[in-house]
Amino acid sequence: MSASARLSTKYQISIPKAVREEQHWEAGQEFVFIPKGKGVLVIPVPELQQLAGLAKGAKRDGFRDRKDRF
């Protein structure tokens, strides 16, 4: 799908209806903007109940810490 929008003088963008419907985005939903090179990822912030059970079965030992990353 290809859709475009224009940044208003108030720095607002209207998300095209086709994109909203495909992604099931609702009015009032919160989003995070993640810079990626010359673009930006727009990702909805999950609600707390969507995160329930996310780490089920995760091991508490043997995790990587930031100091061992490249």
Protein backbone atom coordinates (compact mmCIF):
# COMPACT_ATOMS: atom_id res chain seq x y z
CA MET A 1 0.00 0.00 0.00
CA SER A 2 1.25 3.45 -0.85
CA ALA A 3 -0.21 6.51 0.84
CA SER A 4 1.06 10.00 1.51
CA ALA A 5 0.22 12.95 3.75
CA ARG A 6 1.38 16.53 4.06
CA LEU A 7 2.77 18.14 7.23
CA SER A 8 0.53 21.07 8.18
CA THR A 9 1.69 24.50 9.33
CA LYS A 10 0.89 23.27 12.87
CA TYR A 11 3.25 20.29 12.33
CA GLN A 12 0.38 17.78 12.22
CA ILE A 13 -0.10 14.85 9.84
CA SER A 14 -3.42 13.16 9.10
CA ILE A 15 -2.95 9.41 8.69
CA PRO A 16 -4.75 8.25 5.53
CA LYS A 17 -7.92 6.24 6.16
CA ALA A 18 -6.62 3.18 4.27
CA VAL A 19 -3.57 3.00 6.59
CA ARG A 20 -5.68 3.47 9.74
CA GLU A 21 -8.07 0.73 8.70
CA GLU A 22 -5.33 -1.73 7.67
CA GLN A 23 -3.45 -1.21 10.96
CA HIS A 24 -6.64 -1.07 13.09
CA TRP A 25 -5.57 2.26 14.60
CA GLU A 26 -8.14 4.15 16.67
CA ALA A 27 -8.58 7.83 17.60
CA GLY A 28 -6.80 8.62 20.88
CA GLN A 29 -4.28 5.79 20.49
CA GLU A 30 -0.72 6.65 21.60
CA PHE A 31 2.27 6.21 19.26
CA VAL A 32 6.04 6.27 19.58
CA PHE A 33 8.30 7.74 16.88
CA ILE A 34 11.63 5.97 16.35
CA PRO A 35 14.19 7.67 14.08
CA LYS A 36 15.69 5.26 11.50
CA GLY A 37 18.21 6.78 9.12
CA LYS A 38 16.37 9.40 7.07
CA GLY A 39 12.95 8.05 8.08
CA VAL A 40 10.87 7.40 11.17
CA LEU A 41 9.05 4.30 12.42
CA VAL A 42 5.60 5.05 13.82
CA ILE A 43 4.58 2.30 16.24
CA PRO A 44 1.53 2.14 18.50
CA VAL A 45 2.33 1.92 22.21
CA PRO A 46 0.86 -1.35 23.51
CA GLU A 47 -1.65 -1.29 26.35
CA LEU A 48 -0.62 -2.94 29.62
CA GLN A 49 -2.94 -5.94 29.15
CA GLN A 50 -1.33 -6.65 25.75
CA LEU A 51 2.02 -7.18 27.53
CA ALA A 52 0.69 -9.77 30.01
CA GLY A 53 2.57 -13.05 29.62
CA LEU A 54 5.13 -11.57 27.21
CA ALA A 55 8.11 -12.97 29.15
CA LYS A 56 6.48 -16.24 30.20
CA GLY A 57 9.09 -18.97 30.33
CA ALA A 58 12.04 -16.56 30.09
CA LYS A 59 15.22 -17.63 31.88
CA ARG A 60 16.40 -15.36 34.68
CA ASP A 61 20.07 -16.28 34.21
CA GLY A 62 22.37 -16.13 31.21
CA PHE A 63 20.92 -12.89 29.81
CA ARG A 64 23.07 -10.49 27.83
CA ASP A 65 23.94 -7.18 29.39
CA ARG A 66 24.85 -4.02 27.52
CA LYS A 67 28.54 -4.37 28.39
CA ASP A 68 28.90 -7.48 26.21
CA ARG A 69 27.28 -5.95 23.10
CA PHE A 70 29.26 -4.72 20.14
